Amino acid sequence: MAVIAPFRRLPSATLLIVLLLLWEAFARFVLPTYEPMASLVLPPPSAGVIDGYELLIRGTLLPQVIASARRVYGGFLAAAIVGIPLGAAMGLSPRVLRQMTPIVEIIRPIPPVAWIPITLLWFGITDTQQYFIIFIGTIFPLVLSTIAGIQGIEPILTRAALSLGADRRTLFLLMLRGALPSILLGVRISLGLAWFIVVASEMVSASRGLGYLIIQARTAMVTERVYVGMFAIGLIGFAQDRFLVWFERKLVPWA
């Protein structure tokens, strides 16, 4: 315990900073002795920071971030509007669960990127096509987490509410409130998936966005610009997840 105690006082980003410094030193001083094209194969992270700053100053980076974020949150919002009520209906009604389960379980394993060829025929290279890909890729975690949350409520709680005179609407709201921790977990999973999906989709069928930035940088062999797209996604995802954790603590403090 005496050995572990000093590490408890370290900031949470200490390990990340150490790893970045090791990466920087390796890319600058070790790799060039073995690889003549070290700056192309594995640039130091500082090269990505410099290139990202230059793109930001030129006004090139922010529009790509906005384009991807609009697709992610637009597609996710559509998935939440459909998926959470559908999951609630499946969790509450055995009949709806029985009818919808085959549909959900057949479509759910299909990778979102597998929808790209057919959605290009339906929508062309448009934002609508990107919204649909994110919608189809993020709806199922929301559906399943809502079902799990509602079915996980203790029956004694519903019986107690009924014995106290709760009507159907009140009982539904109470069950939805009890399922919130599970639903919010589904939200976190779905939003993480949304960034994965949008980058893969933009690499194939978009003319802007962070995925497009990454694939263009790879084509031009500007490796540090690939870092820019990757780091931007990582930072956005981290900030997004921290916000959702904070929001969950405020919304469902009992969990």
C-alpha atoms as a PDB file:
ATOM      1  CA  MET A   1       0.000   0.000   0.000  1.00  0.00           C
ATOM      2  CA  ALA A   2       2.899   2.353   0.727  1.00  0.00           C
ATOM      3  CA  VAL A   3       4.129   1.868  -2.846  1.00  0.00           C
ATOM      4  CA  ILE A   4       0.710   2.509  -4.402  1.00  0.00           C
ATOM      5  CA  ALA A   5      -0.173   5.545  -2.262  1.00  0.00           C
ATOM      6  CA  PRO A   6       1.991   8.150  -4.142  1.00  0.00           C
ATOM      7  CA  PHE A   7       0.398   7.180  -7.463  1.00  0.00           C
ATOM      8  CA  ARG A   8      -3.066   8.018  -6.127  1.00  0.00           C
ATOM      9  CA  ARG A   9      -2.107  11.696  -6.080  1.00  0.00           C
ATOM     10  CA  LEU A  10      -1.078  11.786  -9.746  1.00  0.00           C
ATOM     11  CA  PRO A  11      -3.367  13.697 -12.160  1.00  0.00           C
ATOM     12  CA  SER A  12      -5.591  11.500 -14.289  1.00  0.00           C
ATOM     13  CA  ALA A  13      -3.795  12.509 -17.518  1.00  0.00           C
ATOM     14  CA  THR A  14      -0.310  11.592 -16.256  1.00  0.00           C
ATOM     15  CA  LEU A  15      -0.085   8.261 -18.079  1.00  0.00           C
ATOM     16  CA  LEU A  16      -1.373   9.824 -21.313  1.00  0.00           C
ATOM     17  CA  ILE A  17       1.260  12.569 -21.144  1.00  0.00           C
ATOM     18  CA  VAL A  18       4.031  10.049 -20.461  1.00  0.00           C
ATOM     19  CA  LEU A  19       2.963   7.915 -23.432  1.00  0.00           C
ATOM     20  CA  LEU A  20       2.878  10.956 -25.725  1.00  0.00           C
ATOM     21  CA  LEU A  21       6.368  12.001 -24.589  1.00  0.00           C
ATOM     22  CA  LEU A  22       7.681   8.486 -25.222  1.00  0.00           C
ATOM     23  CA  TRP A  23       6.071   8.506 -28.668  1.00  0.00           C
ATOM     24  CA  GLU A  24       7.634  11.911 -29.406  1.00  0.00           C
ATOM     25  CA  ALA A  25      11.103  10.757 -28.341  1.00  0.00           C
ATOM     26  CA  PHE A  26      10.861   7.481 -30.264  1.00  0.00           C
ATOM     27  CA  ALA A  27       9.663   9.179 -33.471  1.00  0.00           C
ATOM     28  CA  ARG A  28      12.321  11.898 -33.309  1.00  0.00           C
ATOM     29  CA  PHE A  29      15.414  10.109 -32.065  1.00  0.00           C
ATOM     30  CA  VAL A  30      15.050   6.320 -32.322  1.00  0.00           C
ATOM     31  CA  LEU A  31      13.026   5.516 -35.452  1.00  0.00           C
ATOM     32  CA  PRO A  32      15.071   7.712 -37.862  1.00  0.00           C
ATOM     33  CA  THR A  33      18.162   5.562 -37.199  1.00  0.00           C
ATOM     34  CA  TYR A  34      16.335   2.506 -38.609  1.00  0.00           C
ATOM     35  CA  GLU A  35      13.818   4.001 -41.060  1.00  0.00           C
ATOM     36  CA  PRO A  36      14.872   6.648 -43.627  1.00  0.00           C
ATOM     37  CA  MET A  37      11.214   7.702 -44.126  1.00  0.00           C
ATOM     38  CA  ALA A  38      10.453   7.939 -40.417  1.00  0.00           C
ATOM     39  CA  SER A  39       8.695  11.303 -40.793  1.00  0.00           C
ATOM     40  CA  LEU A  40       6.225   9.654 -43.179  1.00  0.00           C
ATOM     41  CA  VAL A  41       5.817   6.311 -41.423  1.00  0.00           C
ATOM     42  CA  LEU A  42       5.427   7.620 -37.854  1.00  0.00           C
ATOM     43  CA  PRO A  43       5.641  11.392 -37.355  1.00  0.00           C
ATOM     44  CA  PRO A  44       5.843  12.637 -33.766  1.00  0.00           C
ATOM     45  CA  PRO A  45       2.558  13.789 -32.206  1.00  0.00           C
ATOM     46  CA  SER A  46       3.855  17.375 -32.163  1.00  0.00           C
ATOM     47  CA  ALA A  47       3.787  17.338 -35.983  1.00  0.00           C
ATOM     48  CA  GLY A  48       0.055  16.605 -35.826  1.00  0.00           C
ATOM     49  CA  VAL A  49      -0.470  19.411 -33.311  1.00  0.00           C
ATOM     50  CA  ILE A  50       1.362  21.892 -35.546  1.00  0.00           C
ATOM     51  CA  ASP A  51      -0.523  20.803 -38.664  1.00  0.00           C
ATOM     52  CA  GLY A  52      -3.840  20.905 -36.787  1.00  0.00           C
ATOM     53  CA  TYR A  53      -3.099  24.440 -35.573  1.00  0.00           C
ATOM     54  CA  GLU A  54      -2.290  25.553 -39.120  1.00  0.00           C
ATOM     55  CA  LEU A  55      -5.510  24.006 -40.446  1.00  0.00           C
ATOM     56  CA  LEU A  56      -7.451  25.705 -37.664  1.00  0.00           C
ATOM     57  CA  ILE A  57      -5.907  29.106 -38.399  1.00  0.00           C
ATOM     58  CA  ARG A  58      -6.635  28.723 -42.128  1.00  0.00           C
ATOM     59  CA  GLY A  59     -10.257  27.850 -41.370  1.00  0.00           C
ATOM     60  CA  THR A  60      -9.955  24.378 -42.892  1.00  0.00           C
ATOM     61  CA  LEU A  61     -10.387  22.158 -39.838  1.00  0.00           C
ATOM     62  CA  LEU A  62     -13.493  23.594 -38.190  1.00  0.00           C
ATOM     63  CA  PRO A  63     -15.842  23.054 -41.189  1.00  0.00           C
ATOM     64  CA  GLN A  64     -14.773  19.391 -41.301  1.00  0.00           C
ATOM     65  CA  VAL A  65     -15.511  18.995 -37.585  1.00  0.00           C
ATOM     66  CA  ILE A  66     -18.889  20.706 -37.940  1.00  0.00           C
ATOM     67  CA  ALA A  67     -19.839  18.542 -40.932  1.00  0.00           C
ATOM     68  CA  SER A  68     -19.089  15.314 -39.045  1.00  0.00           C
ATOM     69  CA  ALA A  69     -20.713  16.511 -35.813  1.00  0.00           C
ATOM     70  CA  ARG A  70     -23.892  17.535 -37.627  1.00  0.00           C
ATOM     71  CA  ARG A  71     -24.174  14.074 -39.182  1.00  0.00           C
ATOM     72  CA  VAL A  72     -23.417  12.295 -35.908  1.00  0.00           C
ATOM     73  CA  TYR A  73     -25.893  14.188 -33.756  1.00  0.00           C
ATOM     74  CA  GLY A  74     -28.554  14.414 -36.457  1.00  0.00           C
ATOM     75  CA  GLY A  75     -28.464  10.677 -37.138  1.00  0.00           C
ATOM     76  CA  PHE A  76     -28.304   9.875 -33.425  1.00  0.00           C
ATOM     77  CA  LEU A  77     -31.271  12.148 -32.647  1.00  0.00           C
ATOM     78  CA  ALA A  78     -33.378  10.337 -35.259  1.00  0.00           C
ATOM     79  CA  ALA A  79     -32.271   6.994 -33.762  1.00  0.00           C
ATOM     80  CA  ALA A  80     -33.215   8.139 -30.246  1.00  0.00           C
ATOM     81  CA  ILE A  81     -36.646   9.405 -31.357  1.00  0.00           C
ATOM     82  CA  VAL A  82     -37.415   6.011 -32.894  1.00  0.00           C
ATOM     83  CA  GLY A  83     -35.320   3.619 -30.803  1.00  0.00           C
ATOM     84  CA  ILE A  84     -36.220   4.602 -27.239  1.00  0.00           C
ATOM     85  CA  PRO A  85     -40.022   4.469 -27.737  1.00  0.00           C
ATOM     86  CA  LEU A  86     -39.640   1.230 -29.702  1.00  0.00           C
ATOM     87  CA  GLY A  87     -37.532  -0.287 -26.920  1.00  0.00           C
ATOM     88  CA  ALA A  88     -40.065   0.884 -24.333  1.00  0.00           C
ATOM     89  CA  ALA A  89     -42.903  -0.734 -26.295  1.00  0.00           C
ATOM     90  CA  MET A  90     -40.928  -3.986 -26.625  1.00  0.00           C
ATOM     91  CA  GLY A  91     -40.046  -3.956 -22.938  1.00  0.00           C
ATOM     92  CA  LEU A  92     -43.627  -3.370 -21.815  1.00  0.00           C
ATOM     93  CA  SER A  93     -45.546  -5.543 -24.259  1.00  0.00           C
ATOM     94  CA  PRO A  94     -44.726  -9.236 -24.809  1.00  0.00           C
ATOM     95  CA  ARG A  95     -46.755  -9.114 -28.021  1.00  0.00           C
ATOM     96  CA  VAL A  96     -44.705  -6.237 -29.467  1.00  0.00           C
ATOM     97  CA  LEU A  97     -41.507  -7.930 -28.277  1.00  0.00           C
ATOM     98  CA  ARG A  98     -42.458 -11.169 -30.020  1.00  0.00           C
ATOM     99  CA  GLN A  99     -43.281  -9.433 -33.313  1.00  0.00           C
ATOM    100  CA  MET A 100     -40.332  -7.027 -33.383  1.00  0.00           C
ATOM    101  CA  THR A 101     -37.545  -9.318 -32.149  1.00  0.00           C
ATOM    102  CA  PRO A 102     -37.043 -11.146 -35.502  1.00  0.00           C
ATOM    103  CA  ILE A 103     -36.844  -7.821 -37.361  1.00  0.00           C
ATOM    104  CA  VAL A 104     -34.390  -6.307 -34.869  1.00  0.00           C
ATOM    105  CA  GLU A 105     -32.200  -9.399 -34.645  1.00  0.00           C
ATOM    106  CA  ILE A 106     -31.991  -9.809 -38.441  1.00  0.00           C
ATOM    107  CA  ILE A 107     -31.064  -6.181 -39.150  1.00  0.00           C
ATOM    108  CA  ARG A 108     -28.886  -5.564 -36.070  1.00  0.00           C
ATOM    109  CA  PRO A 109     -25.886  -7.748 -37.092  1.00  0.00           C
ATOM    110  CA  ILE A 110     -25.582  -6.066 -40.508  1.00  0.00           C
ATOM    111  CA  PRO A 111     -22.576  -3.677 -40.330  1.00  0.00           C
ATOM    112  CA  PRO A 112     -23.586  -0.049 -40.984  1.00  0.00           C
ATOM    113  CA  VAL A 113     -20.961   0.273 -43.730  1.00  0.00           C
ATOM    114  CA  ALA A 114     -22.690  -2.578 -45.579  1.00  0.00           C
ATOM    115  CA  TRP A 115     -25.605  -0.184 -46.107  1.00  0.00           C
ATOM    116  CA  ILE A 116     -23.422   2.322 -47.979  1.00  0.00           C
ATOM    117  CA  PRO A 117     -23.817   0.866 -51.524  1.00  0.00           C
ATOM    118  CA  ILE A 118     -27.597   0.648 -51.357  1.00  0.00           C
ATOM    119  CA  THR A 119     -28.027   4.010 -49.611  1.00  0.00           C
ATOM    120  CA  LEU A 120     -25.911   5.635 -52.327  1.00  0.00           C
ATOM    121  CA  LEU A 121     -28.516   4.346 -54.795  1.00  0.00           C
ATOM    122  CA  TRP A 122     -31.348   5.636 -52.602  1.00  0.00           C
ATOM    123  CA  PHE A 123     -29.982   9.045 -51.584  1.00  0.00           C
ATOM    124  CA  GLY A 124     -26.801   9.681 -53.584  1.00  0.00           C
ATOM    125  CA  ILE A 125     -23.760  11.311 -51.980  1.00  0.00           C
ATOM    126  CA  THR A 126     -25.767  13.523 -49.654  1.00  0.00           C
ATOM    127  CA  ASP A 127     -26.050  14.259 -45.948  1.00  0.00           C
ATOM    128  CA  THR A 128     -29.308  12.287 -45.934  1.00  0.00           C
ATOM    129  CA  GLN A 129     -27.331   9.174 -46.841  1.00  0.00           C
ATOM    130  CA  GLN A 130     -24.914   9.849 -43.958  1.00  0.00           C
ATOM    131  CA  TYR A 131     -27.787  10.437 -41.527  1.00  0.00           C
ATOM    132  CA  PHE A 132     -29.347   7.121 -42.497  1.00  0.00           C
ATOM    133  CA  ILE A 133     -26.087   5.197 -42.007  1.00  0.00           C
ATOM    134  CA  ILE A 134     -25.676   6.662 -38.509  1.00  0.00           C
ATOM    135  CA  PHE A 135     -29.346   6.098 -37.726  1.00  0.00           C
ATOM    136  CA  ILE A 136     -29.205   2.408 -38.649  1.00  0.00           C
ATOM    137  CA  GLY A 137     -25.937   1.939 -36.763  1.00  0.00           C
ATOM    138  CA  THR A 138     -26.984   3.602 -33.503  1.00  0.00           C
ATOM    139  CA  ILE A 139     -30.628   2.671 -33.076  1.00  0.00           C
ATOM    140  CA  PHE A 140     -30.114  -0.884 -31.851  1.00  0.00           C
ATOM    141  CA  PRO A 141     -28.047  -0.137 -28.707  1.00  0.00           C
ATOM    142  CA  LEU A 142     -30.808   2.306 -27.756  1.00  0.00           C
ATOM    143  CA  VAL A 143     -33.531  -0.274 -28.365  1.00  0.00           C
ATOM    144  CA  LEU A 144     -31.756  -3.037 -26.423  1.00  0.00           C
ATOM    145  CA  SER A 145     -30.721  -0.810 -23.502  1.00  0.00           C
ATOM    146  CA  THR A 146     -34.297   0.487 -23.159  1.00  0.00           C
ATOM    147  CA  ILE A 147     -35.708  -3.058 -23.184  1.00  0.00           C
ATOM    148  CA  ALA A 148     -33.129  -4.151 -20.580  1.00  0.00           C
ATOM    149  CA  GLY A 149     -33.843  -1.123 -18.401  1.00  0.00           C
ATOM    150  CA  ILE A 150     -37.605  -1.637 -18.361  1.00  0.00           C
ATOM    151  CA  GLN A 151     -37.449  -5.407 -17.924  1.00  0.00           C
ATOM    152  CA  GLY A 152     -34.890  -4.957 -15.138  1.00  0.00           C
ATOM    153  CA  ILE A 153     -37.287  -2.996 -12.920  1.00  0.00           C
ATOM    154  CA  GLU A 154     -38.255  -4.994  -9.858  1.00  0.00           C
ATOM    155  CA  PRO A 155     -41.897  -6.199 -10.101  1.00  0.00           C
ATOM    156  CA  ILE A 156     -42.447  -5.236  -6.473  1.00  0.00           C
ATOM    157  CA  LEU A 157     -41.979  -1.572  -7.434  1.00  0.00           C
ATOM    158  CA  THR A 158     -44.694  -1.705 -10.107  1.00  0.00           C
ATOM    159  CA  ARG A 159     -47.027  -3.534  -7.737  1.00  0.00           C
ATOM    160  CA  ALA A 160     -46.403  -0.906  -5.063  1.00  0.00           C
ATOM    161  CA  ALA A 161     -47.196   1.893  -7.551  1.00  0.00           C
ATOM    162  CA  LEU A 162     -50.435   0.165  -8.590  1.00  0.00           C
ATOM    163  CA  SER A 163     -51.458  -0.377  -4.976  1.00  0.00           C
ATOM    164  CA  LEU A 164     -50.982   3.356  -4.362  1.00  0.00           C
ATOM    165  CA  GLY A 165     -53.390   4.164  -7.180  1.00  0.00           C
ATOM    166  CA  ALA A 166     -51.046   4.850 -10.116  1.00  0.00           C
ATOM    167  CA  ASP A 167     -52.783   4.916 -13.498  1.00  0.00           C
ATOM    168  CA  ARG A 168     -51.274   3.568 -16.739  1.00  0.00           C
ATOM    169  CA  ARG A 169     -49.618   6.855 -17.688  1.00  0.00           C
ATOM    170  CA  THR A 170     -48.072   7.342 -14.246  1.00  0.00           C
ATOM    171  CA  LEU A 171     -46.892   3.735 -14.170  1.00  0.00           C
ATOM    172  CA  PHE A 172     -45.285   4.124 -17.606  1.00  0.00           C
ATOM    173  CA  LEU A 173     -43.462   7.296 -16.532  1.00  0.00           C
ATOM    174  CA  LEU A 174     -42.253   5.600 -13.345  1.00  0.00           C
ATOM    175  CA  MET A 175     -40.927   2.627 -15.313  1.00  0.00           C
ATOM    176  CA  LEU A 176     -39.234   4.903 -17.843  1.00  0.00           C
ATOM    177  CA  ARG A 177     -37.596   6.804 -15.001  1.00  0.00           C
ATOM    178  CA  GLY A 178     -36.406   3.535 -13.482  1.00  0.00           C
ATOM    179  CA  ALA A 179     -34.959   2.513 -16.854  1.00  0.00           C
ATOM    180  CA  LEU A 180     -33.046   5.787 -17.314  1.00  0.00           C
ATOM    181  CA  PRO A 181     -29.635   4.480 -16.140  1.00  0.00           C
ATOM    182  CA  SER A 182     -29.769   1.702 -18.718  1.00  0.00           C
ATOM    183  CA  ILE A 183     -31.064   4.058 -21.435  1.00  0.00           C
ATOM    184  CA  LEU A 184     -28.287   6.557 -20.745  1.00  0.00           C
ATOM    185  CA  LEU A 185     -25.716   3.780 -21.004  1.00  0.00           C
ATOM    186  CA  GLY A 186     -27.193   2.986 -24.416  1.00  0.00           C
ATOM    187  CA  VAL A 187     -26.872   6.669 -25.336  1.00  0.00           C
ATOM    188  CA  ARG A 188     -23.167   6.630 -24.462  1.00  0.00           C
ATOM    189  CA  ILE A 189     -22.587   3.467 -26.476  1.00  0.00           C
ATOM    190  CA  SER A 190     -24.589   4.740 -29.453  1.00  0.00           C
ATOM    191  CA  LEU A 191     -22.817   8.097 -29.616  1.00  0.00           C
ATOM    192  CA  GLY A 192     -19.431   6.379 -29.486  1.00  0.00           C
ATOM    193  CA  LEU A 193     -20.527   4.109 -32.329  1.00  0.00           C
ATOM    194  CA  ALA A 194     -21.817   7.115 -34.268  1.00  0.00           C
ATOM    195  CA  TRP A 195     -18.320   8.625 -34.516  1.00  0.00           C
ATOM    196  CA  PHE A 196     -16.914   5.290 -35.639  1.00  0.00           C
ATOM    197  CA  ILE A 197     -19.617   4.967 -38.286  1.00  0.00           C
ATOM    198  CA  VAL A 198     -19.434   8.529 -39.614  1.00  0.00           C
ATOM    199  CA  VAL A 199     -15.683   8.327 -40.195  1.00  0.00           C
ATOM    200  CA  ALA A 200     -15.960   5.009 -42.041  1.00  0.00           C
ATOM    201  CA  SER A 201     -18.848   6.358 -44.112  1.00  0.00           C
ATOM    202  CA  GLU A 202     -17.138   9.669 -44.919  1.00  0.00           C
ATOM    203  CA  MET A 203     -14.072   7.827 -46.147  1.00  0.00           C
ATOM    204  CA  VAL A 204     -16.233   6.158 -48.796  1.00  0.00           C
ATOM    205  CA  SER A 205     -19.071   8.523 -49.654  1.00  0.00           C
ATOM    206  CA  ALA A 206     -18.501  12.126 -48.572  1.00  0.00           C
ATOM    207  CA  SER A 207     -16.769  15.240 -49.825  1.00  0.00           C
ATOM    208  CA  ARG A 208     -16.204  16.769 -46.385  1.00  0.00           C
ATOM    209  CA  GLY A 209     -15.921  15.725 -42.759  1.00  0.00           C
ATOM    210  CA  LEU A 210     -13.192  14.269 -40.581  1.00  0.00           C
ATOM    211  CA  GLY A 211     -13.315  10.902 -42.338  1.00  0.00           C
ATOM    212  CA  TYR A 212     -12.865  12.691 -45.669  1.00  0.00           C
ATOM    213  CA  LEU A 213      -9.965  14.682 -44.174  1.00  0.00           C
ATOM    214  CA  ILE A 214      -8.261  11.468 -43.029  1.00  0.00           C
ATOM    215  CA  ILE A 215      -8.619   9.647 -46.355  1.00  0.00           C
ATOM    216  CA  GLN A 216      -7.437  12.709 -48.301  1.00  0.00           C
ATOM    217  CA  ALA A 217      -4.398  13.020 -46.030  1.00  0.00           C
ATOM    218  CA  ARG A 218      -3.579   9.351 -46.575  1.00  0.00           C
ATOM    219  CA  THR A 219      -3.856   9.783 -50.348  1.00  0.00           C
ATOM    220  CA  ALA A 220      -1.572  12.829 -50.215  1.00  0.00           C
ATOM    221  CA  MET A 221       0.782  10.948 -47.824  1.00  0.00           C
ATOM    222  CA  VAL A 222       0.538  13.696 -45.183  1.00  0.00           C
ATOM    223  CA  THR A 223       0.619  11.377 -42.188  1.00  0.00           C
ATOM    224  CA  GLU A 224       0.512  14.101 -39.539  1.00  0.00           C
ATOM    225  CA  ARG A 225      -2.810  15.267 -41.002  1.00  0.00           C
ATOM    226  CA  VAL A 226      -4.193  11.796 -40.406  1.00  0.00           C
ATOM    227  CA  TYR A 227      -3.284  12.407 -36.756  1.00  0.00           C
ATOM    228  CA  VAL A 228      -5.278  15.645 -36.843  1.00  0.00           C
ATOM    229  CA  GLY A 229      -8.469  13.857 -37.871  1.00  0.00           C
ATOM    230  CA  MET A 230      -7.903  11.027 -35.405  1.00  0.00           C
ATOM    231  CA  PHE A 231      -7.056  13.315 -32.472  1.00  0.00           C
ATOM    232  CA  ALA A 232     -10.040  15.561 -33.249  1.00  0.00           C
ATOM    233  CA  ILE A 233     -12.383  12.566 -33.083  1.00  0.00           C
ATOM    234  CA  GLY A 234     -10.749  11.340 -29.873  1.00  0.00           C
ATOM    235  CA  LEU A 235     -11.006  14.729 -28.164  1.00  0.00           C
ATOM    236  CA  ILE A 236     -14.621  15.238 -29.227  1.00  0.00           C
ATOM    237  CA  GLY A 237     -15.506  11.726 -28.068  1.00  0.00           C
ATOM    238  CA  PHE A 238     -13.798  12.277 -24.711  1.00  0.00           C
ATOM    239  CA  ALA A 239     -15.568  15.607 -24.116  1.00  0.00           C
ATOM    240  CA  GLN A 240     -18.872  14.082 -25.206  1.00  0.00           C
ATOM    241  CA  ASP A 241     -18.516  11.144 -22.822  1.00  0.00           C
ATOM    242  CA  ARG A 242     -17.516  13.352 -19.878  1.00  0.00           C
ATOM    243  CA  PHE A 243     -20.583  15.505 -20.508  1.00  0.00           C
ATOM    244  CA  LEU A 244     -22.833  12.431 -20.605  1.00  0.00           C
ATOM    245  CA  VAL A 245     -21.347  11.125 -17.344  1.00  0.00           C
ATOM    246  CA  TRP A 246     -21.975  14.516 -15.701  1.00  0.00           C
ATOM    247  CA  PHE A 247     -25.510  14.637 -17.145  1.00  0.00           C
ATOM    248  CA  GLU A 248     -26.248  11.134 -15.864  1.00  0.00           C
ATOM    249  CA  ARG A 249     -25.120  12.063 -12.346  1.00  0.00           C
ATOM    250  CA  LYS A 250     -27.463  15.067 -12.401  1.00  0.00           C
ATOM    251  CA  LEU A 251     -30.405  13.237 -13.961  1.00  0.00           C
ATOM    252  CA  VAL A 252     -30.217   9.923 -12.091  1.00  0.00           C
ATOM    253  CA  PRO A 253     -28.201  10.563  -8.914  1.00  0.00           C
ATOM    254  CA  TRP A 254     -29.598   7.401  -7.289  1.00  0.00           C
ATOM    255  CA  ALA A 255     -27.746   5.277  -9.874  1.00  0.00           C
END
